[in-house]
Amino acid sequence: MPNIVEIAVGNENFSTLVAAVTAAGLVEALQSPGPFTVFAPTDAAFAKLPPGTITTLVQNPPQLGRILKYHVVAGRYTKADLDELSEVVSLEGTTIRLNFKKNEVKNANAIATDIEATNGIIHVIDNVILMGP
């Protein structure tokens, strides 16, 4: 079974996410044993950001890293686990509100859930989740 990074690299819908994780220097961390739960935005989700946002973030690896860490939670949470929670704490340190019974992760919707990896689990989302209230 592949790890989280290997799954992302092998899926053409995650090319922007893979490029961002690489630019932020987080590949090694996401290949570690974890476990992690990743809310993974698709390329289409990144495309919804205002023009120039991704370029600006890639040029600012610390800020990009914070945003990406906001999409990762320590621990392995399946959809069934998340259905019972109203929030989780991201690796960035901020709370992410969710209503997973409705597939809601803050300002995004989970469009695929429970993608198993050796070091965690991936839930695919349709927007980049925004930090803040």
C-alpha atoms as a PDB file:
ATOM      1  CA  MET A   1       0.000   0.000   0.000  1.00  0.00           C
ATOM      2  CA  PRO A   2       1.381   3.452  -0.884  1.00  0.00           C
ATOM      3  CA  ASN A   3       1.879   6.315   1.565  1.00  0.00           C
ATOM      4  CA  ILE A   4       0.023   9.634   1.393  1.00  0.00           C
ATOM      5  CA  VAL A   5       2.608  11.290  -0.870  1.00  0.00           C
ATOM      6  CA  GLU A   6       2.767   8.307  -3.236  1.00  0.00           C
ATOM      7  CA  ILE A   7      -1.026   8.341  -3.600  1.00  0.00           C
ATOM      8  CA  ALA A   8      -1.017  12.081  -4.350  1.00  0.00           C
ATOM      9  CA  VAL A   9       1.847  11.765  -6.850  1.00  0.00           C
ATOM     10  CA  GLY A  10       0.030   8.910  -8.594  1.00  0.00           C
ATOM     11  CA  ASN A  11      -3.224  10.860  -9.009  1.00  0.00           C
ATOM     12  CA  GLU A  12      -3.370  13.432 -11.806  1.00  0.00           C
ATOM     13  CA  ASN A  13      -5.998  15.439  -9.873  1.00  0.00           C
ATOM     14  CA  PHE A  14      -3.399  16.303  -7.208  1.00  0.00           C
ATOM     15  CA  SER A  15      -0.588  17.806  -9.338  1.00  0.00           C
ATOM     16  CA  THR A  16      -1.016  21.283  -7.783  1.00  0.00           C
ATOM     17  CA  LEU A  17      -1.108  19.808  -4.269  1.00  0.00           C
ATOM     18  CA  VAL A  18       2.048  17.776  -4.954  1.00  0.00           C
ATOM     19  CA  ALA A  19       3.808  20.873  -6.335  1.00  0.00           C
ATOM     20  CA  ALA A  20       2.727  22.896  -3.283  1.00  0.00           C
ATOM     21  CA  VAL A  21       3.814  20.223  -0.790  1.00  0.00           C
ATOM     22  CA  THR A  22       7.170  20.017  -2.576  1.00  0.00           C
ATOM     23  CA  ALA A  23       7.612  23.820  -2.632  1.00  0.00           C
ATOM     24  CA  ALA A  24       6.788  24.016   1.086  1.00  0.00           C
ATOM     25  CA  GLY A  25       9.292  21.272   1.939  1.00  0.00           C
ATOM     26  CA  LEU A  26       6.653  18.982   3.447  1.00  0.00           C
ATOM     27  CA  VAL A  27       7.207  15.844   1.343  1.00  0.00           C
ATOM     28  CA  GLU A  28       9.433  14.154   3.916  1.00  0.00           C
ATOM     29  CA  ALA A  29       7.025  14.920   6.773  1.00  0.00           C
ATOM     30  CA  LEU A  30       4.072  13.462   4.852  1.00  0.00           C
ATOM     31  CA  GLN A  31       6.085  10.335   4.067  1.00  0.00           C
ATOM     32  CA  SER A  32       6.818   9.735   7.770  1.00  0.00           C
ATOM     33  CA  PRO A  33       4.898   7.037   9.689  1.00  0.00           C
ATOM     34  CA  GLY A  34       2.258   9.495  10.894  1.00  0.00           C
ATOM     35  CA  PRO A  35      -0.526   8.632  10.998  1.00  0.00           C
ATOM     36  CA  PHE A  36      -2.116  11.625   9.335  1.00  0.00           C
ATOM     37  CA  THR A  37      -5.540  12.535   8.038  1.00  0.00           C
ATOM     38  CA  VAL A  38      -5.247  14.768   4.970  1.00  0.00           C
ATOM     39  CA  PHE A  39      -8.012  16.911   3.529  1.00  0.00           C
ATOM     40  CA  ALA A  40      -6.609  17.011  -0.002  1.00  0.00           C
ATOM     41  CA  PRO A  41      -7.761  19.761  -2.377  1.00  0.00           C
ATOM     42  CA  THR A  42      -7.930  18.765  -6.038  1.00  0.00           C
ATOM     43  CA  ASP A  43      -6.384  20.763  -8.857  1.00  0.00           C
ATOM     44  CA  ALA A  44      -9.890  22.138  -9.525  1.00  0.00           C
ATOM     45  CA  ALA A  45     -10.042  23.329  -5.893  1.00  0.00           C
ATOM     46  CA  PHE A  46      -6.740  25.196  -6.254  1.00  0.00           C
ATOM     47  CA  ALA A  47      -7.983  26.667  -9.549  1.00  0.00           C
ATOM     48  CA  LYS A  48     -10.824  28.395  -7.614  1.00  0.00           C
ATOM     49  CA  LEU A  49      -8.291  30.577  -5.763  1.00  0.00           C
ATOM     50  CA  PRO A  50      -7.856  34.134  -7.054  1.00  0.00           C
ATOM     51  CA  PRO A  51      -5.416  34.444  -9.994  1.00  0.00           C
ATOM     52  CA  GLY A  52      -1.793  34.598  -8.877  1.00  0.00           C
ATOM     53  CA  THR A  53      -2.463  33.162  -5.403  1.00  0.00           C
ATOM     54  CA  ILE A  54      -0.615  29.883  -5.994  1.00  0.00           C
ATOM     55  CA  THR A  55       2.394  31.648  -7.524  1.00  0.00           C
ATOM     56  CA  THR A  56       2.545  34.045  -4.565  1.00  0.00           C
ATOM     57  CA  LEU A  57       2.343  31.175  -2.087  1.00  0.00           C
ATOM     58  CA  VAL A  58       5.027  29.113  -3.832  1.00  0.00           C
ATOM     59  CA  GLN A  59       7.291  32.147  -3.498  1.00  0.00           C
ATOM     60  CA  ASN A  60       6.578  32.231   0.261  1.00  0.00           C
ATOM     61  CA  PRO A  61       7.249  28.659   1.508  1.00  0.00           C
ATOM     62  CA  PRO A  62       6.572  29.419   5.221  1.00  0.00           C
ATOM     63  CA  GLN A  63       3.079  30.790   4.463  1.00  0.00           C
ATOM     64  CA  LEU A  64       2.407  27.973   1.994  1.00  0.00           C
ATOM     65  CA  GLY A  65       3.502  25.467   4.634  1.00  0.00           C
ATOM     66  CA  ARG A  66       1.078  26.932   7.185  1.00  0.00           C
ATOM     67  CA  ILE A  67      -1.805  26.686   4.713  1.00  0.00           C
ATOM     68  CA  LEU A  68      -0.934  23.109   3.782  1.00  0.00           C
ATOM     69  CA  LYS A  69      -0.537  22.068   7.445  1.00  0.00           C
ATOM     70  CA  TYR A  70      -4.053  23.431   7.963  1.00  0.00           C
ATOM     71  CA  HIS A  71      -5.218  20.582   5.697  1.00  0.00           C
ATOM     72  CA  VAL A  72      -3.546  17.875   7.811  1.00  0.00           C
ATOM     73  CA  VAL A  73      -4.593  16.400  11.153  1.00  0.00           C
ATOM     74  CA  ALA A  74      -2.455  14.168  13.362  1.00  0.00           C
ATOM     75  CA  GLY A  75      -4.079  10.755  13.633  1.00  0.00           C
ATOM     76  CA  ARG A  76      -6.066   8.539  11.316  1.00  0.00           C
ATOM     77  CA  TYR A  77      -9.721   9.609  11.035  1.00  0.00           C
ATOM     78  CA  THR A  78     -12.085   7.724   8.754  1.00  0.00           C
ATOM     79  CA  LYS A  79     -15.353   9.228   7.543  1.00  0.00           C
ATOM     80  CA  ALA A  80     -17.131   7.290  10.315  1.00  0.00           C
ATOM     81  CA  ASP A  81     -14.778   8.825  12.914  1.00  0.00           C
ATOM     82  CA  LEU A  82     -15.255  12.340  11.529  1.00  0.00           C
ATOM     83  CA  ASP A  83     -19.047  11.912  11.423  1.00  0.00           C
ATOM     84  CA  GLU A  84     -18.924  11.966  15.236  1.00  0.00           C
ATOM     85  CA  LEU A  85     -16.791  15.139  15.534  1.00  0.00           C
ATOM     86  CA  SER A  86     -17.633  18.822  15.060  1.00  0.00           C
ATOM     87  CA  GLU A  87     -14.000  19.936  14.812  1.00  0.00           C
ATOM     88  CA  VAL A  88     -10.431  18.679  14.577  1.00  0.00           C
ATOM     89  CA  VAL A  89      -7.124  20.439  15.247  1.00  0.00           C
ATOM     90  CA  SER A  90      -4.818  20.812  12.259  1.00  0.00           C
ATOM     91  CA  LEU A  91      -1.039  20.370  12.300  1.00  0.00           C
ATOM     92  CA  GLU A  92      -0.935  24.150  11.841  1.00  0.00           C
ATOM     93  CA  GLY A  93      -2.496  24.355  15.312  1.00  0.00           C
ATOM     94  CA  THR A  94      -5.852  25.849  14.351  1.00  0.00           C
ATOM     95  CA  THR A  95      -9.251  24.186  14.679  1.00  0.00           C
ATOM     96  CA  ILE A  96     -11.078  23.052  11.545  1.00  0.00           C
ATOM     97  CA  ARG A  97     -14.862  23.040  11.860  1.00  0.00           C
ATOM     98  CA  LEU A  98     -16.624  20.194  10.128  1.00  0.00           C
ATOM     99  CA  ASN A  99     -19.935  18.468   9.643  1.00  0.00           C
ATOM    100  CA  PHE A 100     -18.788  15.284   8.004  1.00  0.00           C
ATOM    101  CA  LYS A 101     -22.255  13.746   8.081  1.00  0.00           C
ATOM    102  CA  LYS A 102     -22.949  16.350   5.367  1.00  0.00           C
ATOM    103  CA  ASN A 103     -19.386  15.942   3.966  1.00  0.00           C
ATOM    104  CA  GLU A 104     -18.544  19.512   5.040  1.00  0.00           C
ATOM    105  CA  VAL A 105     -15.004  20.506   5.966  1.00  0.00           C
ATOM    106  CA  LYS A 106     -15.207  24.213   6.816  1.00  0.00           C
ATOM    107  CA  ASN A 107     -15.750  25.930   3.416  1.00  0.00           C
ATOM    108  CA  ALA A 108     -15.233  22.737   1.393  1.00  0.00           C
ATOM    109  CA  ASN A 109     -17.065  19.512   0.656  1.00  0.00           C
ATOM    110  CA  ALA A 110     -15.545  16.055   0.831  1.00  0.00           C
ATOM    111  CA  ILE A 111     -15.995  14.532  -2.616  1.00  0.00           C
ATOM    112  CA  ALA A 112     -14.165  11.256  -1.874  1.00  0.00           C
ATOM    113  CA  THR A 113     -13.414   9.779   1.526  1.00  0.00           C
ATOM    114  CA  ASP A 114     -11.415   7.027   3.196  1.00  0.00           C
ATOM    115  CA  ILE A 115      -8.554   6.675   0.716  1.00  0.00           C
ATOM    116  CA  GLU A 116      -6.238   4.399   2.687  1.00  0.00           C
ATOM    117  CA  ALA A 117      -2.483   4.976   2.857  1.00  0.00           C
ATOM    118  CA  THR A 118       0.205   3.227   4.887  1.00  0.00           C
ATOM    119  CA  ASN A 119       0.645   6.339   7.021  1.00  0.00           C
ATOM    120  CA  GLY A 120      -2.907   7.624   7.233  1.00  0.00           C
ATOM    121  CA  ILE A 121      -5.986   8.433   5.256  1.00  0.00           C
ATOM    122  CA  ILE A 122      -6.981  10.975   2.600  1.00  0.00           C
ATOM    123  CA  HIS A 123     -10.317  12.736   2.147  1.00  0.00           C
ATOM    124  CA  VAL A 124     -10.563  14.622  -1.155  1.00  0.00           C
ATOM    125  CA  ILE A 125     -12.098  18.109  -0.936  1.00  0.00           C
ATOM    126  CA  ASP A 126     -13.432  20.525  -3.543  1.00  0.00           C
ATOM    127  CA  ASN A 127     -12.002  23.778  -2.100  1.00  0.00           C
ATOM    128  CA  VAL A 128      -8.817  24.887  -0.406  1.00  0.00           C
ATOM    129  CA  ILE A 129      -9.913  25.321   3.202  1.00  0.00           C
ATOM    130  CA  LEU A 130      -9.326  28.784   4.558  1.00  0.00           C
ATOM    131  CA  MET A 131      -7.743  29.531   7.894  1.00  0.00           C
ATOM    132  CA  GLY A 132      -9.592  31.824  10.289  1.00  0.00           C
ATOM    133  CA  PRO A 133     -13.138  31.838  11.650  1.00  0.00           C
END
